[in-house]
């Protein structure tokens, strides 16, 4: 698992990134290693071998981030991002394994996404 995630992390920052191919690989890793995601995919009846377009990769409903700890592996998070929510609601939570990775991701991707 560690070798797979390191390979994915390296390729995310590659100048030759094949986003669609990497997305399919991340989907498979998440399905195989994230219990909540796997149960959700199985529950909605998705055949993972039939995912042929990036648009077909299912997203987890936000409600699951409110009721479950969504994680691909067991780890102690360096940070927890939490939604602001509304009065009396349960906030969604995103557990961050490596905060520096998120910082690097934003540093690299934001200038690309915010090009004029």
PDB file of N, CA and C in Angstrom:
ATOM      1  N   UNK A   1       0.824  -1.199   0.000  1.00  0.00           N
ATOM      2  CA  UNK A   1       0.000   0.000   0.000  1.00  0.00           C
ATOM      3  C   UNK A   1       0.867   1.261   0.000  1.00  0.00           C
ATOM      4  N   UNK A   2       1.919   1.274   0.815  1.00  0.00           N
ATOM      5  CA  UNK A   2       2.777   2.450   0.897  1.00  0.00           C
ATOM      6  C   UNK A   2       3.418   2.753  -0.461  1.00  0.00           C
ATOM      7  N   UNK A   3       3.872   1.719  -1.169  1.00  0.00           N
ATOM      8  CA  UNK A   3       4.499   1.924  -2.473  1.00  0.00           C
ATOM      9  C   UNK A   3       3.498   2.485  -3.479  1.00  0.00           C
ATOM     10  N   UNK A   4       2.256   2.014  -3.403  1.00  0.00           N
ATOM     11  CA  UNK A   4       1.216   2.482  -4.320  1.00  0.00           C
ATOM     12  C   UNK A   4       0.937   3.955  -4.072  1.00  0.00           C
ATOM     13  N   UNK A   5       0.733   4.335  -2.821  1.00  0.00           N
ATOM     14  CA  UNK A   5       0.406   5.731  -2.523  1.00  0.00           C
ATOM     15  C   UNK A   5       1.584   6.651  -2.818  1.00  0.00           C
ATOM     16  N   UNK A   6       2.803   6.197  -2.589  1.00  0.00           N
ATOM     17  CA  UNK A   6       3.969   7.025  -2.915  1.00  0.00           C
ATOM     18  C   UNK A   6       4.062   7.237  -4.419  1.00  0.00           C
ATOM     19  N   UNK A   7       3.775   6.203  -5.208  1.00  0.00           N
ATOM     20  CA  UNK A   7       3.791   6.322  -6.662  1.00  0.00           C
ATOM     21  C   UNK A   7       2.733   7.319  -7.122  1.00  0.00           C
ATOM     22  N   UNK A   8       1.553   7.238  -6.550  1.00  0.00           N
ATOM     23  CA  UNK A   8       0.476   8.168  -6.901  1.00  0.00           C
ATOM     24  C   UNK A   8       0.874   9.583  -6.523  1.00  0.00           C
ATOM     25  N   UNK A   9       1.405   9.776  -5.331  1.00  0.00           N
ATOM     26  CA  UNK A   9       1.814  11.115  -4.890  1.00  0.00           C
ATOM     27  C   UNK A   9       2.883  11.697  -5.807  1.00  0.00           C
ATOM     28  N   UNK A  10       3.846  10.876  -6.205  1.00  0.00           N
ATOM     29  CA  UNK A  10       4.892  11.355  -7.106  1.00  0.00           C
ATOM     30  C   UNK A  10       4.302  11.800  -8.444  1.00  0.00           C
ATOM     31  N   UNK A  11       3.372  11.021  -8.967  1.00  0.00           N
ATOM     32  CA  UNK A  11       2.804  11.327 -10.279  1.00  0.00           C
ATOM     33  C   UNK A  11       1.856  12.518 -10.255  1.00  0.00           C
ATOM     34  N   UNK A  12       1.243  12.811  -9.120  1.00  0.00           N
ATOM     35  CA  UNK A  12       0.370  13.979  -9.034  1.00  0.00           C
ATOM     36  C   UNK A  12       1.165  15.253  -9.332  1.00  0.00           C
ATOM     37  N   UNK A  13       2.419  15.279  -8.918  1.00  0.00           N
ATOM     38  CA  UNK A  13       3.250  16.468  -9.105  1.00  0.00           C
ATOM     39  C   UNK A  13       4.128  16.390 -10.351  1.00  0.00           C
ATOM     40  N   UNK A  14       3.923  15.370 -11.165  1.00  0.00           N
ATOM     41  CA  UNK A  14       4.710  15.199 -12.390  1.00  0.00           C
ATOM     42  C   UNK A  14       4.240  16.171 -13.464  1.00  0.00           C
ATOM     43  N   UNK A  15       5.180  16.635 -14.276  1.00  0.00           N
ATOM     44  CA  UNK A  15       4.820  17.518 -15.391  1.00  0.00           C
ATOM     45  C   UNK A  15       4.107  16.748 -16.488  1.00  0.00           C
ATOM     46  N   UNK A  16       4.238  15.436 -16.476  1.00  0.00           N
ATOM     47  CA  UNK A  16       3.597  14.589 -17.484  1.00  0.00           C
ATOM     48  C   UNK A  16       2.374  13.872 -16.911  1.00  0.00           C
ATOM     49  N   UNK A  17       1.650  14.539 -16.064  1.00  0.00           N
ATOM     50  CA  UNK A  17       0.504  13.947 -15.395  1.00  0.00           C
ATOM     51  C   UNK A  17      -0.581  13.550 -16.390  1.00  0.00           C
ATOM     52  N   UNK A  18      -0.988  12.278 -16.343  1.00  0.00           N
ATOM     53  CA  UNK A  18      -2.150  11.794 -17.085  1.00  0.00           C
ATOM     54  C   UNK A  18      -3.278  11.723 -16.059  1.00  0.00           C
ATOM     55  N   UNK A  19      -4.011  12.830 -15.924  1.00  0.00           N
ATOM     56  CA  UNK A  19      -4.998  12.969 -14.869  1.00  0.00           C
ATOM     57  C   UNK A  19      -6.054  11.875 -14.915  1.00  0.00           C
ATOM     58  N   UNK A  20      -6.553  11.554 -16.083  1.00  0.00           N
ATOM     59  CA  UNK A  20      -7.612  10.558 -16.188  1.00  0.00           C
ATOM     60  C   UNK A  20      -7.110   9.180 -15.755  1.00  0.00           C
ATOM     61  N   UNK A  21      -5.949   8.776 -16.234  1.00  0.00           N
ATOM     62  CA  UNK A  21      -5.397   7.471 -15.856  1.00  0.00           C
ATOM     63  C   UNK A  21      -5.137   7.414 -14.346  1.00  0.00           C
ATOM     64  N   UNK A  22      -4.576   8.461 -13.812  1.00  0.00           N
ATOM     65  CA  UNK A  22      -4.305   8.504 -12.382  1.00  0.00           C
ATOM     66  C   UNK A  22      -5.605   8.464 -11.579  1.00  0.00           C
ATOM     67  N   UNK A  23      -6.637   9.109 -12.077  1.00  0.00           N
ATOM     68  CA  UNK A  23      -7.938   9.091 -11.406  1.00  0.00           C
ATOM     69  C   UNK A  23      -8.488   7.671 -11.311  1.00  0.00           C
ATOM     70  N   UNK A  24      -8.351   6.894 -12.369  1.00  0.00           N
ATOM     71  CA  UNK A  24      -8.811   5.498 -12.338  1.00  0.00           C
ATOM     72  C   UNK A  24      -8.022   4.690 -11.309  1.00  0.00           C
ATOM     73  N   UNK A  25      -6.728   4.930 -11.248  1.00  0.00           N
ATOM     74  CA  UNK A  25      -5.888   4.214 -10.281  1.00  0.00           C
ATOM     75  C   UNK A  25      -6.260   4.592  -8.850  1.00  0.00           C
ATOM     76  N   UNK A  26      -6.466   5.876  -8.596  1.00  0.00           N
ATOM     77  CA  UNK A  26      -6.857   6.326  -7.259  1.00  0.00           C
ATOM     78  C   UNK A  26      -8.208   5.713  -6.884  1.00  0.00           C
ATOM     79  N   UNK A  27      -9.131   5.680  -7.829  1.00  0.00           N
ATOM     80  CA  UNK A  27     -10.431   5.057  -7.589  1.00  0.00           C
ATOM     81  C   UNK A  27     -10.260   3.609  -7.139  1.00  0.00           C
ATOM     82  N   UNK A  28      -9.428   2.844  -7.831  1.00  0.00           N
ATOM     83  CA  UNK A  28      -9.213   1.437  -7.479  1.00  0.00           C
ATOM     84  C   UNK A  28      -8.556   1.295  -6.099  1.00  0.00           C
ATOM     85  N   UNK A  29      -7.579   2.144  -5.811  1.00  0.00           N
ATOM     86  CA  UNK A  29      -6.918   2.115  -4.500  1.00  0.00           C
ATOM     87  C   UNK A  29      -7.929   2.436  -3.403  1.00  0.00           C
ATOM     88  N   UNK A  30      -8.739   3.457  -3.638  1.00  0.00           N
ATOM     89  CA  UNK A  30      -9.747   3.826  -2.639  1.00  0.00           C
ATOM     90  C   UNK A  30     -10.759   2.700  -2.441  1.00  0.00           C
ATOM     91  N   UNK A  31     -11.196   2.104  -3.525  1.00  0.00           N
ATOM     92  CA  UNK A  31     -12.180   1.025  -3.427  1.00  0.00           C
ATOM     93  C   UNK A  31     -11.609  -0.165  -2.642  1.00  0.00           C
ATOM     94  N   UNK A  32     -10.375  -0.506  -2.909  1.00  0.00           N
ATOM     95  CA  UNK A  32      -9.769  -1.680  -2.257  1.00  0.00           C
ATOM     96  C   UNK A  32      -9.377  -1.427  -0.804  1.00  0.00           C
ATOM     97  N   UNK A  33      -9.062  -0.173  -0.442  1.00  0.00           N
ATOM     98  CA  UNK A  33      -8.469   0.103   0.864  1.00  0.00           C
ATOM     99  C   UNK A  33      -9.293   0.993   1.785  1.00  0.00           C
ATOM    100  N   UNK A  34     -10.389   1.541   1.296  1.00  0.00           N
ATOM    101  CA  UNK A  34     -11.233   2.408   2.111  1.00  0.00           C
ATOM    102  C   UNK A  34     -12.557   1.690   2.356  1.00  0.00           C
ATOM    103  N   UNK A  35     -12.724   1.177   3.544  1.00  0.00           N
ATOM    104  CA  UNK A  35     -13.888   0.356   3.877  1.00  0.00           C
ATOM    105  C   UNK A  35     -15.205   1.081   3.638  1.00  0.00           C
ATOM    106  N   UNK A  36     -15.286   2.333   4.045  1.00  0.00           N
ATOM    107  CA  UNK A  36     -16.530   3.099   3.878  1.00  0.00           C
ATOM    108  C   UNK A  36     -16.847   3.263   2.389  1.00  0.00           C
ATOM    109  N   UNK A  37     -15.837   3.624   1.605  1.00  0.00           N
ATOM    110  CA  UNK A  37     -16.046   3.812   0.166  1.00  0.00           C
ATOM    111  C   UNK A  37     -16.441   2.494  -0.498  1.00  0.00           C
ATOM    112  N   UNK A  38     -15.760   1.436  -0.139  1.00  0.00           N
ATOM    113  CA  UNK A  38     -16.070   0.133  -0.723  1.00  0.00           C
ATOM    114  C   UNK A  38     -17.509  -0.286  -0.417  1.00  0.00           C
ATOM    115  N   UNK A  39     -17.929  -0.126   0.816  1.00  0.00           N
ATOM    116  CA  UNK A  39     -19.309  -0.474   1.191  1.00  0.00           C
ATOM    117  C   UNK A  39     -20.306   0.379   0.420  1.00  0.00           C
ATOM    118  N   UNK A  40     -20.020   1.663   0.264  1.00  0.00           N
ATOM    119  CA  UNK A  40     -20.910   2.546  -0.470  1.00  0.00           C
ATOM    120  C   UNK A  40     -21.015   2.109  -1.935  1.00  0.00           C
ATOM    121  N   UNK A  41     -19.887   1.869  -2.573  1.00  0.00           N
ATOM    122  CA  UNK A  41     -19.873   1.460  -3.989  1.00  0.00           C
ATOM    123  C   UNK A  41     -20.647   0.157  -4.168  1.00  0.00           C
ATOM    124  N   UNK A  42     -20.413  -0.797  -3.277  1.00  0.00           N
ATOM    125  CA  UNK A  42     -21.131  -2.072  -3.348  1.00  0.00           C
ATOM    126  C   UNK A  42     -22.629  -1.873  -3.118  1.00  0.00           C
ATOM    127  N   UNK A  43     -22.987  -1.001  -2.177  1.00  0.00           N
ATOM    128  CA  UNK A  43     -24.394  -0.762  -1.844  1.00  0.00           C
ATOM    129  C   UNK A  43     -25.164  -0.155  -3.029  1.00  0.00           C
ATOM    130  N   UNK A  44     -24.513   0.745  -3.775  1.00  0.00           N
ATOM    131  CA  UNK A  44     -25.211   1.365  -4.903  1.00  0.00           C
ATOM    132  C   UNK A  44     -25.093   0.524  -6.180  1.00  0.00           C
ATOM    133  N   UNK A  45     -24.425  -0.624  -6.065  1.00  0.00           N
ATOM    134  CA  UNK A  45     -24.394  -1.585  -7.169  1.00  0.00           C
ATOM    135  C   UNK A  45     -23.466  -1.246  -8.316  1.00  0.00           C
ATOM    136  N   UNK A  46     -22.391  -0.542  -8.039  1.00  0.00           N
ATOM    137  CA  UNK A  46     -21.423  -0.189  -9.087  1.00  0.00           C
ATOM    138  C   UNK A  46     -20.452  -1.347  -9.293  1.00  0.00           C
ATOM    139  N   UNK A  47     -20.282  -1.758 -10.543  1.00  0.00           N
ATOM    140  CA  UNK A  47     -19.279  -2.748 -10.908  1.00  0.00           C
ATOM    141  C   UNK A  47     -18.007  -1.967 -11.238  1.00  0.00           C
ATOM    142  N   UNK A  48     -17.000  -2.072 -10.401  1.00  0.00           N
ATOM    143  CA  UNK A  48     -15.797  -1.243 -10.553  1.00  0.00           C
ATOM    144  C   UNK A  48     -15.052  -1.520 -11.859  1.00  0.00           C
ATOM    145  N   UNK A  49     -15.249  -2.686 -12.443  1.00  0.00           N
ATOM    146  CA  UNK A  49     -14.575  -2.985 -13.713  1.00  0.00           C
ATOM    147  C   UNK A  49     -15.271  -2.317 -14.896  1.00  0.00           C
ATOM    148  N   UNK A  50     -16.453  -1.762 -14.670  1.00  0.00           N
ATOM    149  CA  UNK A  50     -17.223  -1.107 -15.741  1.00  0.00           C
ATOM    150  C   UNK A  50     -17.040   0.416 -15.752  1.00  0.00           C
ATOM    151  N   UNK A  51     -16.198   0.933 -14.874  1.00  0.00           N
ATOM    152  CA  UNK A  51     -15.926   2.376 -14.860  1.00  0.00           C
ATOM    153  C   UNK A  51     -14.950   2.671 -15.998  1.00  0.00           C
ATOM    154  N   UNK A  52     -15.455   3.338 -17.057  1.00  0.00           N
ATOM    155  CA  UNK A  52     -14.639   3.614 -18.242  1.00  0.00           C
ATOM    156  C   UNK A  52     -14.407   5.100 -18.489  1.00  0.00           C
ATOM    157  N   UNK A  53     -15.145   5.919 -17.778  1.00  0.00           N
ATOM    158  CA  UNK A  53     -15.022   7.368 -17.945  1.00  0.00           C
ATOM    159  C   UNK A  53     -14.855   8.001 -16.575  1.00  0.00           C
ATOM    160  N   UNK A  54     -14.042   9.018 -16.525  1.00  0.00           N
ATOM    161  CA  UNK A  54     -13.772   9.682 -15.254  1.00  0.00           C
ATOM    162  C   UNK A  54     -15.067  10.184 -14.606  1.00  0.00           C
ATOM    163  N   UNK A  55     -16.028  10.567 -15.438  1.00  0.00           N
ATOM    164  CA  UNK A  55     -17.309  11.062 -14.927  1.00  0.00           C
ATOM    165  C   UNK A  55     -18.109   9.966 -14.216  1.00  0.00           C
ATOM    166  N   UNK A  56     -17.757   8.711 -14.449  1.00  0.00           N
ATOM    167  CA  UNK A  56     -18.479   7.581 -13.844  1.00  0.00           C
ATOM    168  C   UNK A  56     -17.976   7.225 -12.444  1.00  0.00           C
ATOM    169  N   UNK A  57     -16.873   7.817 -12.022  1.00  0.00           N
ATOM    170  CA  UNK A  57     -16.333   7.514 -10.693  1.00  0.00           C
ATOM    171  C   UNK A  57     -17.245   8.158  -9.653  1.00  0.00           C
ATOM    172  N   UNK A  58     -17.850   7.348  -8.788  1.00  0.00           N
ATOM    173  CA  UNK A  58     -18.803   7.903  -7.810  1.00  0.00           C
ATOM    174  C   UNK A  58     -18.118   8.684  -6.685  1.00  0.00           C
ATOM    175  N   UNK A  59     -18.769   9.753  -6.286  1.00  0.00           N
ATOM    176  CA  UNK A  59     -18.360  10.536  -5.128  1.00  0.00           C
ATOM    177  C   UNK A  59     -19.111  10.023  -3.901  1.00  0.00           C
ATOM    178  N   UNK A  60     -18.471  10.097  -2.760  1.00  0.00           N
ATOM    179  CA  UNK A  60     -19.172   9.781  -1.518  1.00  0.00           C
ATOM    180  C   UNK A  60     -20.133  10.918  -1.182  1.00  0.00           C
ATOM    181  N   UNK A  61     -21.329  10.596  -0.727  1.00  0.00           N
ATOM    182  CA  UNK A  61     -22.238  11.660  -0.272  1.00  0.00           C
ATOM    183  C   UNK A  61     -21.641  12.370   0.951  1.00  0.00           C
ATOM    184  N   UNK A  62     -21.851  13.678   1.029  1.00  0.00           N
ATOM    185  CA  UNK A  62     -21.294  14.472   2.125  1.00  0.00           C
ATOM    186  C   UNK A  62     -21.758  13.952   3.478  1.00  0.00           C
ATOM    187  N   UNK A  63     -22.937  13.376   3.531  1.00  0.00           N
ATOM    188  CA  UNK A  63     -23.473  12.853   4.789  1.00  0.00           C
ATOM    189  C   UNK A  63     -22.516  11.822   5.414  1.00  0.00           C
ATOM    190  N   UNK A  64     -21.834  11.045   4.581  1.00  0.00           N
ATOM    191  CA  UNK A  64     -20.915  10.036   5.122  1.00  0.00           C
ATOM    192  C   UNK A  64     -19.716  10.678   5.816  1.00  0.00           C
ATOM    193  N   UNK A  65     -19.330  11.874   5.393  1.00  0.00           N
ATOM    194  CA  UNK A  65     -18.230  12.579   6.056  1.00  0.00           C
ATOM    195  C   UNK A  65     -18.670  13.120   7.416  1.00  0.00           C
ATOM    196  N   UNK A  66     -19.972  13.180   7.629  1.00  0.00           N
ATOM    197  CA  UNK A  66     -20.518  13.614   8.909  1.00  0.00           C
ATOM    198  C   UNK A  66     -20.678  12.451   9.876  1.00  0.00           C
ATOM    199  N   UNK A  67     -20.908  11.261   9.333  1.00  0.00           N
ATOM    200  CA  UNK A  67     -21.235  10.118  10.185  1.00  0.00           C
ATOM    201  C   UNK A  67     -20.142   9.063  10.287  1.00  0.00           C
ATOM    202  N   UNK A  68     -19.106   9.157   9.436  1.00  0.00           N
ATOM    203  CA  UNK A  68     -18.036   8.151   9.430  1.00  0.00           C
ATOM    204  C   UNK A  68     -16.668   8.831   9.342  1.00  0.00           C
ATOM    205  N   UNK A  69     -15.657   8.137   9.819  1.00  0.00           N
ATOM    206  CA  UNK A  69     -14.283   8.588   9.581  1.00  0.00           C
ATOM    207  C   UNK A  69     -13.866   7.982   8.240  1.00  0.00           C
ATOM    208  N   UNK A  70     -13.681   8.833   7.267  1.00  0.00           N
ATOM    209  CA  UNK A  70     -13.307   8.383   5.924  1.00  0.00           C
ATOM    210  C   UNK A  70     -11.784   8.387   5.848  1.00  0.00           C
ATOM    211  N   UNK A  71     -11.211   7.190   5.720  1.00  0.00           N
ATOM    212  CA  UNK A  71      -9.754   7.065   5.658  1.00  0.00           C
ATOM    213  C   UNK A  71      -9.393   5.806   4.889  1.00  0.00           C
ATOM    214  N   UNK A  72      -8.322   5.883   4.130  1.00  0.00           N
ATOM    215  CA  UNK A  72      -7.870   4.739   3.348  1.00  0.00           C
ATOM    216  C   UNK A  72      -6.966   3.827   4.155  1.00  0.00           C
ATOM    217  N   UNK A  73      -6.437   4.324   5.230  1.00  0.00           N
ATOM    218  CA  UNK A  73      -5.578   3.519   6.098  1.00  0.00           C
ATOM    219  C   UNK A  73      -5.765   4.020   7.530  1.00  0.00           C
ATOM    220  N   UNK A  74      -5.263   3.273   8.459  1.00  0.00           N
ATOM    221  CA  UNK A  74      -5.310   3.697   9.844  1.00  0.00           C
ATOM    222  C   UNK A  74      -4.135   4.640  10.107  1.00  0.00           C
ATOM    223  N   UNK A  75      -4.428   5.839  10.608  1.00  0.00           N
ATOM    224  CA  UNK A  75      -3.363   6.793  10.888  1.00  0.00           C
ATOM    225  C   UNK A  75      -3.859   7.815  11.901  1.00  0.00           C
ATOM    226  N   UNK A  76      -2.917   8.487  12.517  1.00  0.00           N
ATOM    227  CA  UNK A  76      -3.238   9.607  13.418  1.00  0.00           C
ATOM    228  C   UNK A  76      -3.149  10.871  12.577  1.00  0.00           C
ATOM    229  N   UNK A  77      -4.273  11.574  12.363  1.00  0.00           N
ATOM    230  CA  UNK A  77      -4.239  12.746  11.480  1.00  0.00           C
ATOM    231  C   UNK A  77      -3.418  13.896  12.054  1.00  0.00           C
ATOM    232  N   UNK A  78      -2.689  14.576  11.166  1.00  0.00           N
ATOM    233  CA  UNK A  78      -1.963  15.777  11.557  1.00  0.00           C
ATOM    234  C   UNK A  78      -2.910  16.967  11.655  1.00  0.00           C
ATOM    235  N   UNK A  79      -4.045  16.874  10.957  1.00  0.00           N
ATOM    236  CA  UNK A  79      -5.045  17.942  10.995  1.00  0.00           C
ATOM    237  C   UNK A  79      -6.408  17.357  10.652  1.00  0.00           C
ATOM    238  N   UNK A  80      -7.436  18.042  11.085  1.00  0.00           N
ATOM    239  CA  UNK A  80      -8.801  17.675  10.728  1.00  0.00           C
ATOM    240  C   UNK A  80      -9.477  18.934  10.205  1.00  0.00           C
ATOM    241  N   UNK A  81      -9.884  18.895   8.931  1.00  0.00           N
ATOM    242  CA  UNK A  81     -10.631  19.995   8.351  1.00  0.00           C
ATOM    243  C   UNK A  81     -12.097  19.726   8.626  1.00  0.00           C
ATOM    244  N   UNK A  82     -12.804  20.737   9.095  1.00  0.00           N
ATOM    245  CA  UNK A  82     -14.202  20.561   9.467  1.00  0.00           C
ATOM    246  C   UNK A  82     -15.039  21.649   8.797  1.00  0.00           C
ATOM    247  N   UNK A  83     -16.202  21.244   8.274  1.00  0.00           N
ATOM    248  CA  UNK A  83     -17.094  22.222   7.652  1.00  0.00           C
ATOM    249  C   UNK A  83     -17.667  23.147   8.718  1.00  0.00           C
ATOM    250  N   UNK A  84     -18.120  24.305   8.279  1.00  0.00           N
ATOM    251  CA  UNK A  84     -18.696  25.247   9.232  1.00  0.00           C
ATOM    252  C   UNK A  84     -20.067  24.797   9.704  1.00  0.00           C
ATOM    253  N   UNK A  85     -20.802  24.120   8.841  1.00  0.00           N
ATOM    254  CA  UNK A  85     -22.114  23.603   9.238  1.00  0.00           C
ATOM    255  C   UNK A  85     -23.100  24.715   9.549  1.00  0.00           C
ATOM    256  N   UNK A  86     -24.226  24.315  10.063  1.00  0.00           N
ATOM    257  CA  UNK A  86     -25.245  25.266  10.494  1.00  0.00           C
ATOM    258  C   UNK A  86     -25.585  24.943  11.946  1.00  0.00           C
ATOM    259  N   UNK A  87     -26.257  25.842  12.594  1.00  0.00           N
ATOM    260  CA  UNK A  87     -26.594  25.663  14.004  1.00  0.00           C
ATOM    261  C   UNK A  87     -27.313  24.336  14.211  1.00  0.00           C
ATOM    262  N   UNK A  88     -26.807  23.546  15.117  1.00  0.00           N
ATOM    263  CA  UNK A  88     -27.436  22.275  15.456  1.00  0.00           C
ATOM    264  C   UNK A  88     -27.126  21.134  14.514  1.00  0.00           C
ATOM    265  N   UNK A  89     -26.326  21.375  13.469  1.00  0.00           N
ATOM    266  CA  UNK A  89     -26.011  20.297  12.529  1.00  0.00           C
ATOM    267  C   UNK A  89     -24.684  19.639  12.890  1.00  0.00           C
ATOM    268  N   UNK A  90     -24.484  18.467  12.350  1.00  0.00           N
ATOM    269  CA  UNK A  90     -23.216  17.766  12.512  1.00  0.00           C
ATOM    270  C   UNK A  90     -22.320  18.179  11.352  1.00  0.00           C
ATOM    271  N   UNK A  91     -21.109  18.610  11.656  1.00  0.00           N
ATOM    272  CA  UNK A  91     -20.183  19.050  10.620  1.00  0.00           C
ATOM    273  C   UNK A  91     -19.503  17.859   9.958  1.00  0.00           C
ATOM    274  N   UNK A  92     -19.214  18.001   8.670  1.00  0.00           N
ATOM    275  CA  UNK A  92     -18.428  16.990   7.986  1.00  0.00           C
ATOM    276  C   UNK A  92     -16.966  17.175   8.386  1.00  0.00           C
ATOM    277  N   UNK A  93     -16.217  16.074   8.355  1.00  0.00           N
ATOM    278  CA  UNK A  93     -14.809  16.121   8.772  1.00  0.00           C
ATOM    279  C   UNK A  93     -13.940  15.419   7.751  1.00  0.00           C
ATOM    280  N   UNK A  94     -12.778  16.004   7.494  1.00  0.00           N
ATOM    281  CA  UNK A  94     -11.799  15.429   6.573  1.00  0.00           C
ATOM    282  C   UNK A  94     -10.495  15.283   7.349  1.00  0.00           C
ATOM    283  N   UNK A  95     -10.059  14.042   7.520  1.00  0.00           N
ATOM    284  CA  UNK A  95      -8.861  13.744   8.305  1.00  0.00           C
ATOM    285  C   UNK A  95      -7.646  13.770   7.383  1.00  0.00           C
ATOM    286  N   UNK A  96      -6.667  14.601   7.735  1.00  0.00           N
ATOM    287  CA  UNK A  96      -5.488  14.808   6.896  1.00  0.00           C
ATOM    288  C   UNK A  96      -4.296  14.081   7.517  1.00  0.00           C
ATOM    289  N   UNK A  97      -3.774  13.136   6.753  1.00  0.00           N
ATOM    290  CA  UNK A  97      -2.644  12.338   7.243  1.00  0.00           C
ATOM    291  C   UNK A  97      -1.357  13.165   7.273  1.00  0.00           C
ATOM    292  N   UNK A  98      -1.060  13.852   6.165  1.00  0.00           N
ATOM    293  CA  UNK A  98       0.191  14.612   6.056  1.00  0.00           C
ATOM    294  C   UNK A  98      -0.143  16.031   5.615  1.00  0.00           C
ATOM    295  N   UNK A  99      -0.084  16.963   6.524  1.00  0.00           N
ATOM    296  CA  UNK A  99      -0.462  18.341   6.240  1.00  0.00           C
ATOM    297  C   UNK A  99       0.444  18.986   5.192  1.00  0.00           C
ATOM    298  N   UNK A 100       1.719  18.694   5.208  1.00  0.00           N
ATOM    299  CA  UNK A 100       2.639  19.274   4.220  1.00  0.00           C
ATOM    300  C   UNK A 100       2.274  18.857   2.796  1.00  0.00           C
ATOM    301  N   UNK A 101       1.711  17.668   2.648  1.00  0.00           N
ATOM    302  CA  UNK A 101       1.281  17.213   1.330  1.00  0.00           C
ATOM    303  C   UNK A 101       0.146  18.101   0.816  1.00  0.00           C
ATOM    304  N   UNK A 102      -0.798  18.433   1.677  1.00  0.00           N
ATOM    305  CA  UNK A 102      -1.911  19.307   1.298  1.00  0.00           C
ATOM    306  C   UNK A 102      -1.381  20.692   0.931  1.00  0.00           C
ATOM    307  N   UNK A 103      -0.430  21.204   1.706  1.00  0.00           N
ATOM    308  CA  UNK A 103       0.154  22.510   1.414  1.00  0.00           C
ATOM    309  C   UNK A 103       0.841  22.496   0.049  1.00  0.00           C
ATOM    310  N   UNK A 104       1.584  21.429  -0.235  1.00  0.00           N
ATOM    311  CA  UNK A 104       2.272  21.306  -1.522  1.00  0.00           C
ATOM    312  C   UNK A 104       1.253  21.222  -2.654  1.00  0.00           C
ATOM    313  N   UNK A 105       0.195  20.475  -2.439  1.00  0.00           N
ATOM    314  CA  UNK A 105      -0.850  20.325  -3.444  1.00  0.00           C
ATOM    315  C   UNK A 105      -1.457  21.687  -3.796  1.00  0.00           C
ATOM    316  N   UNK A 106      -1.791  22.472  -2.786  1.00  0.00           N
ATOM    317  CA  UNK A 106      -2.348  23.795  -3.036  1.00  0.00           C
ATOM    318  C   UNK A 106      -1.331  24.712  -3.710  1.00  0.00           C
ATOM    319  N   UNK A 107      -0.086  24.632  -3.306  1.00  0.00           N
ATOM    320  CA  UNK A 107       0.954  25.481  -3.884  1.00  0.00           C
ATOM    321  C   UNK A 107       1.123  25.205  -5.376  1.00  0.00           C
ATOM    322  N   UNK A 108       1.053  23.949  -5.754  1.00  0.00           N
ATOM    323  CA  UNK A 108       1.242  23.564  -7.151  1.00  0.00           C
ATOM    324  C   UNK A 108      -0.032  23.772  -7.971  1.00  0.00           C
ATOM    325  N   UNK A 109      -1.168  23.394  -7.420  1.00  0.00           N
ATOM    326  CA  UNK A 109      -2.395  23.385  -8.216  1.00  0.00           C
ATOM    327  C   UNK A 109      -3.130  24.714  -8.287  1.00  0.00           C
ATOM    328  N   UNK A 110      -3.098  25.511  -7.245  1.00  0.00           N
ATOM    329  CA  UNK A 110      -3.854  26.762  -7.288  1.00  0.00           C
ATOM    330  C   UNK A 110      -3.446  27.692  -8.417  1.00  0.00           C
ATOM    331  N   UNK A 111      -2.148  27.891  -8.666  1.00  0.00           N
ATOM    332  CA  UNK A 111      -1.782  28.753  -9.811  1.00  0.00           C
ATOM    333  C   UNK A 111      -2.283  28.185 -11.150  1.00  0.00           C
ATOM    334  N   UNK A 112      -2.332  26.885 -11.263  1.00  0.00           N
ATOM    335  CA  UNK A 112      -2.825  26.268 -12.498  1.00  0.00           C
ATOM    336  C   UNK A 112      -4.330  26.481 -12.631  1.00  0.00           C
ATOM    337  N   UNK A 113      -5.046  26.279 -11.544  1.00  0.00           N
ATOM    338  CA  UNK A 113      -6.503  26.383 -11.590  1.00  0.00           C
ATOM    339  C   UNK A 113      -6.983  27.826 -11.695  1.00  0.00           C
ATOM    340  N   UNK A 114      -6.197  28.780 -11.228  1.00  0.00           N
ATOM    341  CA  UNK A 114      -6.610  30.183 -11.226  1.00  0.00           C
ATOM    342  C   UNK A 114      -5.929  31.000 -12.321  1.00  0.00           C
ATOM    343  N   UNK A 115      -5.564  30.361 -13.401  1.00  0.00           N
ATOM    344  CA  UNK A 115      -4.944  31.094 -14.514  1.00  0.00           C
ATOM    345  C   UNK A 115      -5.982  32.008 -15.151  1.00  0.00           C
ATOM    346  N   UNK A 116      -5.580  33.215 -15.527  1.00  0.00           N
ATOM    347  CA  UNK A 116      -6.522  34.143 -16.176  1.00  0.00           C
ATOM    348  C   UNK A 116      -6.933  33.666 -17.561  1.00  0.00           C
TER     349      UNK A 116
END
